[in-house]
Amino acid sequence: MSPTTWLAGAATLLVVAHLLTTPGRAQAAAPASQSAPAQTPAGPAAPATPAGPSKVVIFPATMKELMVDLIFPTSNELFYVSRSEPKTGVEWARLELNFLTLAESANLLMAPPRARNEEKWMADAKLLQTVGLKAYRYAKAKDYQALVDLNDELYESCQACHVDYRPGYRRRP
């Protein structure tokens, strides 16, 4: 399987998992007969009760696997975007997919059992998510210069986490 095929599959799974575990999304996607109360001759039926909290199932990837196989390749697409401006719709779509995957990967970092604490770890993961979402929106808008300008913000989001959680990490000089 090529890295591009794997990445596309991983991104699809991330998006589907996010949609299914986001409160209200599953109900919004349900057929009308399931999501809306039925009408009876006596009037509207009682509202349907929510199905209860959804359970998030995490693939047992290690932090190293997530970083090396998912986050590192997608972040490099942004770090090195200045090397060649996308020219075709396919090239822009590839960037969109990479940046959506980068933003969604932050959700994997914030999910148990990976979340280390409720303060620093979560704040660092949210920085990655914010940069990934900005990059995704800029790619959708085909705003090349905005993507190039986002490089420093991505670096800062990565180093904020690495300083505390990656042994032996050093900042750029």
N, C-alpha and C. Protein backbone atom coordinates (compact mmCIF):
# COMPACT_ATOMS: atom_id res chain seq x y z
N MET A 1 0.85 -1.18 0.00
CA MET A 1 0.00 0.00 0.00
C MET A 1 0.89 1.23 0.00
N SER A 2 0.60 2.17 -0.85
CA SER A 2 1.42 3.38 -0.94
C SER A 2 1.14 4.29 0.26
N PRO A 3 2.11 5.14 0.62
CA PRO A 3 1.88 6.08 1.74
C PRO A 3 0.68 6.99 1.50
N THR A 4 0.47 7.38 0.25
CA THR A 4 -0.67 8.26 -0.06
C THR A 4 -1.98 7.54 0.18
N THR A 5 -2.06 6.29 -0.24
CA THR A 5 -3.28 5.50 -0.02
C THR A 5 -3.52 5.30 1.46
N TRP A 6 -2.45 4.98 2.20
CA TRP A 6 -2.59 4.78 3.64
C TRP A 6 -3.05 6.07 4.30
N LEU A 7 -2.44 7.19 3.92
CA LEU A 7 -2.78 8.47 4.51
C LEU A 7 -4.24 8.83 4.23
N ALA A 8 -4.68 8.59 3.01
CA ALA A 8 -6.08 8.89 2.67
C ALA A 8 -7.02 8.04 3.51
N GLY A 9 -6.68 6.77 3.68
CA GLY A 9 -7.51 5.89 4.51
C GLY A 9 -7.52 6.32 5.96
N ALA A 10 -6.34 6.68 6.47
CA ALA A 10 -6.25 7.12 7.87
C ALA A 10 -7.04 8.39 8.09
N ALA A 11 -6.95 9.32 7.16
CA ALA A 11 -7.69 10.57 7.29
C ALA A 11 -9.18 10.32 7.27
N THR A 12 -9.62 9.44 6.39
CA THR A 12 -11.05 9.11 6.32
C THR A 12 -11.52 8.52 7.63
N LEU A 13 -10.73 7.61 8.20
CA LEU A 13 -11.10 7.01 9.47
C LEU A 13 -11.15 8.04 10.58
N LEU A 14 -10.20 8.97 10.59
CA LEU A 14 -10.20 10.02 11.60
C LEU A 14 -11.45 10.89 11.50
N VAL A 15 -11.80 11.27 10.30
CA VAL A 15 -12.97 12.13 10.11
C VAL A 15 -14.23 11.39 10.50
N VAL A 16 -14.37 10.15 10.08
CA VAL A 16 -15.56 9.36 10.42
C VAL A 16 -15.64 9.17 11.94
N ALA A 17 -14.52 8.83 12.56
CA ALA A 17 -14.52 8.66 14.01
C ALA A 17 -14.92 9.95 14.71
N HIS A 18 -14.42 11.06 14.22
CA HIS A 18 -14.77 12.35 14.82
C HIS A 18 -16.26 12.64 14.66
N LEU A 19 -16.78 12.39 13.48
CA LEU A 19 -18.19 12.65 13.25
C LEU A 19 -19.07 11.76 14.12
N LEU A 20 -18.67 10.51 14.29
CA LEU A 20 -19.48 9.59 15.07
C LEU A 20 -19.37 9.84 16.57
N THR A 21 -18.28 10.43 17.01
CA THR A 21 -18.12 10.64 18.45
C THR A 21 -18.42 12.06 18.89
N THR A 22 -18.70 12.95 17.96
CA THR A 22 -19.06 14.32 18.31
C THR A 22 -20.52 14.34 18.74
N PRO A 23 -20.81 14.85 19.94
CA PRO A 23 -22.20 14.88 20.40
C PRO A 23 -23.10 15.58 19.39
N GLY A 24 -24.23 14.96 19.10
CA GLY A 24 -25.20 15.54 18.20
C GLY A 24 -25.00 15.14 16.75
N ARG A 25 -23.79 14.75 16.36
CA ARG A 25 -23.51 14.39 14.97
C ARG A 25 -24.23 13.10 14.59
N ALA A 26 -24.15 12.08 15.44
CA ALA A 26 -24.77 10.80 15.11
C ALA A 26 -26.28 10.98 14.99
N GLN A 27 -26.87 11.78 15.87
CA GLN A 27 -28.31 11.99 15.79
C GLN A 27 -28.68 12.81 14.57
N ALA A 28 -27.84 13.78 14.21
CA ALA A 28 -28.14 14.60 13.04
C ALA A 28 -28.07 13.76 11.77
N ALA A 29 -27.22 12.72 11.79
CA ALA A 29 -27.07 11.89 10.61
C ALA A 29 -28.12 10.78 10.54
N ALA A 30 -28.86 10.57 11.62
CA ALA A 30 -29.85 9.50 11.65
C ALA A 30 -31.04 9.84 10.76
N PRO A 31 -31.71 8.81 10.23
CA PRO A 31 -32.90 9.08 9.43
C PRO A 31 -33.94 9.84 10.23
N ALA A 32 -34.77 10.60 9.54
CA ALA A 32 -35.77 11.43 10.21
C ALA A 32 -36.66 10.61 11.12
N SER A 33 -36.96 9.37 10.74
CA SER A 33 -37.84 8.55 11.57
C SER A 33 -37.21 8.23 12.91
N GLN A 34 -35.88 8.25 12.99
CA GLN A 34 -35.21 7.95 14.24
C GLN A 34 -34.92 9.21 15.06
N SER A 35 -34.70 10.34 14.40
CA SER A 35 -34.28 11.52 15.13
C SER A 35 -35.44 12.42 15.55
N ALA A 36 -36.56 12.35 14.86
CA ALA A 36 -37.68 13.21 15.21
C ALA A 36 -38.75 12.41 15.94
N PRO A 37 -39.39 13.03 16.94
CA PRO A 37 -40.46 12.32 17.64
C PRO A 37 -41.62 12.04 16.68
N ALA A 38 -42.21 10.89 16.85
CA ALA A 38 -43.34 10.49 16.00
C ALA A 38 -44.60 11.25 16.40
N GLN A 39 -45.43 11.55 15.42
CA GLN A 39 -46.71 12.20 15.69
C GLN A 39 -47.76 11.11 15.97
N THR A 40 -48.57 11.32 16.97
CA THR A 40 -49.67 10.41 17.28
C THR A 40 -50.96 11.20 17.19
N PRO A 41 -52.10 10.52 17.09
CA PRO A 41 -53.36 11.26 17.04
C PRO A 41 -53.55 12.16 18.26
N ALA A 42 -52.96 11.80 19.39
CA ALA A 42 -53.12 12.60 20.61
C ALA A 42 -52.14 13.77 20.66
N GLY A 43 -51.23 13.86 19.70
CA GLY A 43 -50.23 14.93 19.71
C GLY A 43 -48.84 14.35 19.56
N PRO A 44 -47.87 15.21 19.67
CA PRO A 44 -46.50 14.73 19.48
C PRO A 44 -46.09 13.78 20.60
N ALA A 45 -45.30 12.80 20.23
CA ALA A 45 -44.79 11.84 21.21
C ALA A 45 -43.69 12.52 22.02
N ALA A 46 -43.34 11.91 23.12
CA ALA A 46 -42.24 12.44 23.94
C ALA A 46 -40.96 12.40 23.13
N PRO A 47 -40.09 13.36 23.34
CA PRO A 47 -38.83 13.37 22.60
C PRO A 47 -38.04 12.09 22.85
N ALA A 48 -37.35 11.65 21.82
CA ALA A 48 -36.54 10.45 21.96
C ALA A 48 -35.41 10.73 22.94
N THR A 49 -35.04 9.74 23.74
CA THR A 49 -33.95 9.92 24.68
C THR A 49 -32.63 9.67 23.97
N PRO A 50 -31.62 10.42 24.33
CA PRO A 50 -30.32 10.20 23.70
C PRO A 50 -29.82 8.78 23.97
N ALA A 51 -29.02 8.27 23.08
CA ALA A 51 -28.53 6.90 23.18
C ALA A 51 -27.50 6.75 24.29
N GLY A 52 -27.11 7.81 24.94
CA GLY A 52 -26.10 7.73 25.99
C GLY A 52 -24.75 8.14 25.44
N PRO A 53 -23.78 8.24 26.31
CA PRO A 53 -22.47 8.68 25.84
C PRO A 53 -21.85 7.67 24.90
N SER A 54 -21.23 8.19 23.85
CA SER A 54 -20.58 7.28 22.92
C SER A 54 -19.21 6.91 23.47
N LYS A 55 -18.75 5.74 23.10
CA LYS A 55 -17.46 5.26 23.58
C LYS A 55 -16.46 5.42 22.44
N VAL A 56 -15.34 6.07 22.74
CA VAL A 56 -14.30 6.26 21.75
C VAL A 56 -13.37 5.06 21.82
N VAL A 57 -13.13 4.45 20.68
CA VAL A 57 -12.23 3.32 20.61
C VAL A 57 -10.94 3.81 19.96
N ILE A 58 -9.85 3.64 20.66
CA ILE A 58 -8.57 4.13 20.19
C ILE A 58 -7.75 2.97 19.65
N PHE A 59 -7.23 3.12 18.43
CA PHE A 59 -6.30 2.16 17.87
C PHE A 59 -5.07 2.16 18.75
N PRO A 60 -4.52 1.01 19.04
CA PRO A 60 -3.43 0.97 20.01
C PRO A 60 -2.07 1.40 19.45
N ALA A 61 -2.02 2.49 18.72
CA ALA A 61 -0.75 3.01 18.21
C ALA A 61 0.02 3.66 19.35
N THR A 62 1.32 3.53 19.30
CA THR A 62 2.16 4.19 20.30
C THR A 62 2.32 5.65 19.92
N MET A 63 2.83 6.45 20.84
CA MET A 63 3.10 7.86 20.54
C MET A 63 4.11 7.96 19.40
N LYS A 64 5.12 7.11 19.43
CA LYS A 64 6.12 7.13 18.37
C LYS A 64 5.48 6.84 17.01
N GLU A 65 4.60 5.85 16.95
CA GLU A 65 3.92 5.53 15.69
C GLU A 65 3.07 6.70 15.21
N LEU A 66 2.33 7.33 16.13
CA LEU A 66 1.52 8.50 15.74
C LEU A 66 2.40 9.62 15.21
N MET A 67 3.48 9.90 15.90
CA MET A 67 4.35 11.00 15.49
C MET A 67 5.04 10.68 14.16
N VAL A 68 5.65 9.52 14.05
CA VAL A 68 6.45 9.19 12.87
C VAL A 68 5.58 8.89 11.65
N ASP A 69 4.47 8.19 11.85
CA ASP A 69 3.67 7.71 10.72
C ASP A 69 2.52 8.63 10.34
N LEU A 70 2.09 9.52 11.23
CA LEU A 70 0.93 10.35 10.94
C LEU A 70 1.24 11.84 11.05
N ILE A 71 1.68 12.27 12.21
CA ILE A 71 1.86 13.70 12.45
C ILE A 71 3.08 14.25 11.71
N PHE A 72 4.20 13.55 11.76
CA PHE A 72 5.41 14.03 11.10
C PHE A 72 5.21 14.21 9.59
N PRO A 73 4.69 13.21 8.87
CA PRO A 73 4.52 13.42 7.41
C PRO A 73 3.53 14.53 7.06
N THR A 74 2.45 14.66 7.83
CA THR A 74 1.47 15.69 7.50
C THR A 74 1.98 17.08 7.88
N SER A 75 2.73 17.17 8.98
CA SER A 75 3.29 18.48 9.34
C SER A 75 4.38 18.88 8.34
N ASN A 76 5.12 17.92 7.83
CA ASN A 76 6.15 18.24 6.83
C ASN A 76 5.54 18.83 5.57
N GLU A 77 4.32 18.44 5.24
CA GLU A 77 3.66 19.02 4.08
C GLU A 77 3.51 20.54 4.25
N LEU A 78 3.29 20.98 5.49
CA LEU A 78 3.18 22.42 5.76
C LEU A 78 4.56 23.05 5.91
N PHE A 79 5.46 22.35 6.62
CA PHE A 79 6.80 22.90 6.79
C PHE A 79 7.47 23.16 5.43
N TYR A 80 7.24 22.30 4.46
CA TYR A 80 7.93 22.40 3.17
C TYR A 80 7.03 22.89 2.04
N VAL A 81 5.90 23.48 2.36
CA VAL A 81 4.97 23.95 1.33
C VAL A 81 5.60 25.04 0.46
N SER A 82 6.56 25.76 1.00
CA SER A 82 7.17 26.86 0.24
C SER A 82 8.09 26.36 -0.88
N ARG A 83 8.41 25.09 -0.88
CA ARG A 83 9.29 24.55 -1.93
C ARG A 83 8.63 24.54 -3.30
N SER A 84 7.32 24.35 -3.32
CA SER A 84 6.63 24.27 -4.61
C SER A 84 5.16 24.61 -4.42
N GLU A 85 4.73 25.66 -5.08
CA GLU A 85 3.33 26.06 -4.99
C GLU A 85 2.45 25.05 -5.73
N PRO A 86 1.37 24.59 -5.09
CA PRO A 86 0.46 23.67 -5.77
C PRO A 86 -0.13 24.34 -7.01
N LYS A 87 -0.23 23.57 -8.09
CA LYS A 87 -0.72 24.14 -9.34
C LYS A 87 -2.02 23.50 -9.83
N THR A 88 -2.28 22.29 -9.40
CA THR A 88 -3.47 21.59 -9.89
C THR A 88 -4.46 21.37 -8.75
N GLY A 89 -5.67 21.06 -9.12
CA GLY A 89 -6.69 20.74 -8.13
C GLY A 89 -6.30 19.52 -7.30
N VAL A 90 -5.63 18.57 -7.93
CA VAL A 90 -5.20 17.36 -7.22
C VAL A 90 -4.16 17.71 -6.17
N GLU A 91 -3.22 18.59 -6.50
CA GLU A 91 -2.20 19.00 -5.53
C GLU A 91 -2.82 19.75 -4.36
N TRP A 92 -3.78 20.61 -4.63
CA TRP A 92 -4.46 21.33 -3.55
C TRP A 92 -5.28 20.36 -2.69
N ALA A 93 -5.94 19.40 -3.33
CA ALA A 93 -6.74 18.41 -2.59
C ALA A 93 -5.84 17.57 -1.68
N ARG A 94 -4.65 17.23 -2.16
CA ARG A 94 -3.71 16.46 -1.34
C ARG A 94 -3.32 17.27 -0.10
N LEU A 95 -3.07 18.58 -0.28
CA LEU A 95 -2.75 19.42 0.87
C LEU A 95 -3.94 19.51 1.84
N GLU A 96 -5.14 19.67 1.31
CA GLU A 96 -6.33 19.70 2.17
C GLU A 96 -6.40 18.45 3.03
N LEU A 97 -6.22 17.29 2.40
CA LEU A 97 -6.28 16.02 3.12
C LEU A 97 -5.21 15.95 4.19
N ASN A 98 -4.00 16.35 3.84
CA ASN A 98 -2.91 16.32 4.82
C ASN A 98 -3.20 17.24 6.00
N PHE A 99 -3.69 18.42 5.73
CA PHE A 99 -3.91 19.38 6.82
C PHE A 99 -5.13 19.02 7.66
N LEU A 100 -6.14 18.43 7.05
CA LEU A 100 -7.27 17.92 7.84
C LEU A 100 -6.79 16.79 8.75
N THR A 101 -5.95 15.92 8.21
CA THR A 101 -5.38 14.84 9.00
C THR A 101 -4.53 15.40 10.14
N LEU A 102 -3.75 16.44 9.88
CA LEU A 102 -2.95 17.06 10.92
C LEU A 102 -3.83 17.61 12.03
N ALA A 103 -4.89 18.31 11.66
CA ALA A 103 -5.81 18.86 12.68
C ALA A 103 -6.48 17.74 13.47
N GLU A 104 -6.94 16.70 12.78
CA GLU A 104 -7.62 15.60 13.46
C GLU A 104 -6.66 14.78 14.31
N SER A 105 -5.38 14.76 13.97
CA SER A 105 -4.42 14.01 14.78
C SER A 105 -4.33 14.58 16.19
N ALA A 106 -4.61 15.87 16.33
CA ALA A 106 -4.62 16.46 17.67
C ALA A 106 -5.69 15.81 18.54
N ASN A 107 -6.82 15.41 17.93
CA ASN A 107 -7.84 14.71 18.71
C ASN A 107 -7.31 13.39 19.25
N LEU A 108 -6.47 12.71 18.46
CA LEU A 108 -5.88 11.46 18.93
C LEU A 108 -4.94 11.72 20.10
N LEU A 109 -4.25 12.84 20.08
CA LEU A 109 -3.37 13.18 21.19
C LEU A 109 -4.14 13.54 22.45
N MET A 110 -5.35 14.09 22.28
CA MET A 110 -6.14 14.51 23.44
C MET A 110 -7.02 13.39 24.00
N ALA A 111 -7.10 12.28 23.30
CA ALA A 111 -7.98 11.19 23.74
C ALA A 111 -7.25 10.29 24.74
N PRO A 112 -8.01 9.75 25.70
CA PRO A 112 -7.40 8.78 26.60
C PRO A 112 -7.02 7.55 25.77
N PRO A 113 -5.99 6.89 26.02
CA PRO A 113 -5.07 6.99 27.15
C PRO A 113 -3.86 7.87 26.87
N ARG A 114 -3.84 8.58 25.73
CA ARG A 114 -2.65 9.35 25.38
C ARG A 114 -2.53 10.67 26.12
N ALA A 115 -3.65 11.27 26.45
CA ALA A 115 -3.62 12.58 27.12
C ALA A 115 -2.87 12.44 28.44
N ARG A 116 -1.83 13.23 28.59
CA ARG A 116 -0.97 13.11 29.77
C ARG A 116 -1.52 13.88 30.97
N ASN A 117 -2.07 15.05 30.72
CA ASN A 117 -2.66 15.82 31.81
C ASN A 117 -3.68 16.77 31.19
N GLU A 118 -4.43 17.41 32.02
CA GLU A 118 -5.51 18.26 31.53
C GLU A 118 -5.08 19.68 31.21
N GLU A 119 -3.84 20.02 31.48
CA GLU A 119 -3.44 21.40 31.24
C GLU A 119 -2.45 21.52 30.09
N LYS A 120 -1.18 21.29 30.33
CA LYS A 120 -0.13 21.53 29.34
C LYS A 120 -0.31 20.65 28.09
N TRP A 121 -0.50 19.36 28.29
CA TRP A 121 -0.64 18.44 27.15
C TRP A 121 -1.82 18.85 26.26
N MET A 122 -2.94 19.11 26.90
CA MET A 122 -4.14 19.48 26.14
C MET A 122 -3.94 20.82 25.42
N ALA A 123 -3.32 21.78 26.10
CA ALA A 123 -3.08 23.08 25.47
C ALA A 123 -2.16 22.92 24.26
N ASP A 124 -1.13 22.09 24.39
CA ASP A 124 -0.21 21.87 23.28
C ASP A 124 -0.92 21.18 22.11
N ALA A 125 -1.74 20.19 22.41
CA ALA A 125 -2.48 19.49 21.34
C ALA A 125 -3.45 20.44 20.65
N LYS A 126 -4.06 21.33 21.41
CA LYS A 126 -4.99 22.30 20.81
C LYS A 126 -4.26 23.28 19.90
N LEU A 127 -3.01 23.61 20.23
CA LEU A 127 -2.21 24.45 19.33
C LEU A 127 -2.01 23.76 17.99
N LEU A 128 -1.70 22.47 18.04
CA LEU A 128 -1.53 21.70 16.80
C LEU A 128 -2.84 21.67 16.02
N GLN A 129 -3.93 21.46 16.71
CA GLN A 129 -5.24 21.41 16.06
C GLN A 129 -5.57 22.75 15.39
N THR A 130 -5.29 23.84 16.08
CA THR A 130 -5.56 25.17 15.54
C THR A 130 -4.77 25.42 14.26
N VAL A 131 -3.48 25.09 14.29
CA VAL A 131 -2.64 25.29 13.11
C VAL A 131 -3.12 24.38 11.97
N GLY A 132 -3.44 23.13 12.30
CA GLY A 132 -3.92 22.21 11.26
C GLY A 132 -5.21 22.70 10.62
N LEU A 133 -6.13 23.22 11.44
CA LEU A 133 -7.38 23.75 10.90
C LEU A 133 -7.15 24.98 10.03
N LYS A 134 -6.27 25.87 10.48
CA LYS A 134 -5.95 27.04 9.66
C LYS A 134 -5.38 26.59 8.31
N ALA A 135 -4.44 25.66 8.36
CA ALA A 135 -3.82 25.18 7.12
C ALA A 135 -4.86 24.54 6.21
N TYR A 136 -5.76 23.76 6.80
CA TYR A 136 -6.83 23.12 6.02
C TYR A 136 -7.69 24.19 5.32
N ARG A 137 -8.08 25.20 6.07
CA ARG A 137 -8.92 26.27 5.50
C ARG A 137 -8.18 27.06 4.43
N TYR A 138 -6.89 27.32 4.65
CA TYR A 138 -6.10 28.03 3.64
C TYR A 138 -5.95 27.19 2.38
N ALA A 139 -5.76 25.88 2.55
CA ALA A 139 -5.64 25.00 1.38
C ALA A 139 -6.96 24.96 0.62
N LYS A 140 -8.07 24.90 1.33
CA LYS A 140 -9.39 24.91 0.66
C LYS A 140 -9.58 26.20 -0.12
N ALA A 141 -9.09 27.30 0.43
CA ALA A 141 -9.22 28.60 -0.23
C ALA A 141 -8.11 28.83 -1.26
N LYS A 142 -7.18 27.86 -1.35
CA LYS A 142 -6.03 27.95 -2.27
C LYS A 142 -5.21 29.22 -2.01
N ASP A 143 -5.04 29.52 -0.72
CA ASP A 143 -4.28 30.69 -0.29
C ASP A 143 -2.85 30.25 0.03
N TYR A 144 -2.04 30.21 -1.00
CA TYR A 144 -0.67 29.72 -0.87
C TYR A 144 0.17 30.55 0.10
N GLN A 145 0.12 31.85 -0.01
CA GLN A 145 0.95 32.69 0.86
C GLN A 145 0.56 32.52 2.33
N ALA A 146 -0.71 32.36 2.62
CA ALA A 146 -1.14 32.13 4.01
C ALA A 146 -0.55 30.82 4.54
N LEU A 147 -0.47 29.80 3.69
CA LEU A 147 0.14 28.53 4.11
C LEU A 147 1.63 28.72 4.40
N VAL A 148 2.32 29.43 3.54
CA VAL A 148 3.74 29.69 3.75
C VAL A 148 3.93 30.46 5.06
N ASP A 149 3.08 31.44 5.31
CA ASP A 149 3.19 32.26 6.52
C ASP A 149 2.86 31.48 7.79
N LEU A 150 2.20 30.35 7.67
CA LEU A 150 1.79 29.55 8.83
C LEU A 150 2.93 28.69 9.37
N ASN A 151 4.04 28.63 8.65
CA ASN A 151 5.15 27.77 9.03
C ASN A 151 5.65 28.02 10.44
N ASP A 152 5.86 29.28 10.81
CA ASP A 152 6.38 29.58 12.15
C ASP A 152 5.38 29.18 13.23
N GLU A 153 4.10 29.36 12.97
CA GLU A 153 3.08 28.97 13.96
C GLU A 153 3.08 27.45 14.17
N LEU A 154 3.28 26.70 13.09
CA LEU A 154 3.36 25.25 13.23
C LEU A 154 4.59 24.86 14.03
N TYR A 155 5.72 25.49 13.72
CA TYR A 155 6.95 25.20 14.47
C TYR A 155 6.73 25.46 15.96
N GLU A 156 6.13 26.59 16.30
CA GLU A 156 5.90 26.92 17.70
C GLU A 156 4.98 25.91 18.38
N SER A 157 3.96 25.45 17.66
CA SER A 157 3.05 24.47 18.27
C SER A 157 3.77 23.15 18.51
N CYS A 158 4.64 22.75 17.59
CA CYS A 158 5.39 21.49 17.76
C CYS A 158 6.39 21.61 18.92
N GLN A 159 7.16 22.67 18.91
CA GLN A 159 8.19 22.80 19.94
C GLN A 159 7.59 22.99 21.32
N ALA A 160 6.41 23.60 21.42
CA ALA A 160 5.77 23.78 22.74
C ALA A 160 5.57 22.42 23.42
N CYS A 161 5.19 21.44 22.66
CA CYS A 161 4.98 20.09 23.20
C CYS A 161 6.32 19.36 23.37
N HIS A 162 7.16 19.44 22.35
CA HIS A 162 8.41 18.68 22.38
C HIS A 162 9.32 19.10 23.53
N VAL A 163 9.34 20.38 23.87
CA VAL A 163 10.18 20.84 24.97
C VAL A 163 9.85 20.09 26.26
N ASP A 164 8.58 19.85 26.51
CA ASP A 164 8.17 19.18 27.75
C ASP A 164 8.08 17.66 27.65
N TYR A 165 7.76 17.15 26.47
CA TYR A 165 7.43 15.73 26.39
C TYR A 165 8.34 14.88 25.51
N ARG A 166 9.29 15.48 24.82
CA ARG A 166 10.20 14.70 23.97
C ARG A 166 11.60 14.75 24.59
N PRO A 167 12.06 13.64 25.14
CA PRO A 167 13.38 13.64 25.79
C PRO A 167 14.49 14.01 24.80
N GLY A 168 15.39 14.87 25.27
CA GLY A 168 16.53 15.26 24.45
C GLY A 168 16.23 16.27 23.37
N TYR A 169 15.05 16.84 23.36
CA TYR A 169 14.66 17.78 22.32
C TYR A 169 15.35 19.12 22.53
N ARG A 170 15.80 19.71 21.44
CA ARG A 170 16.37 21.06 21.49
C ARG A 170 15.66 21.94 20.49
N ARG A 171 15.48 23.19 20.88
CA ARG A 171 14.87 24.17 19.98
C ARG A 171 15.83 24.52 18.85
N ARG A 172 15.26 25.05 17.76
CA ARG A 172 16.10 25.57 16.67
C ARG A 172 16.97 26.69 17.23
N PRO A 173 18.20 26.83 16.69
CA PRO A 173 19.05 27.96 17.14
C PRO A 173 18.48 29.27 16.66
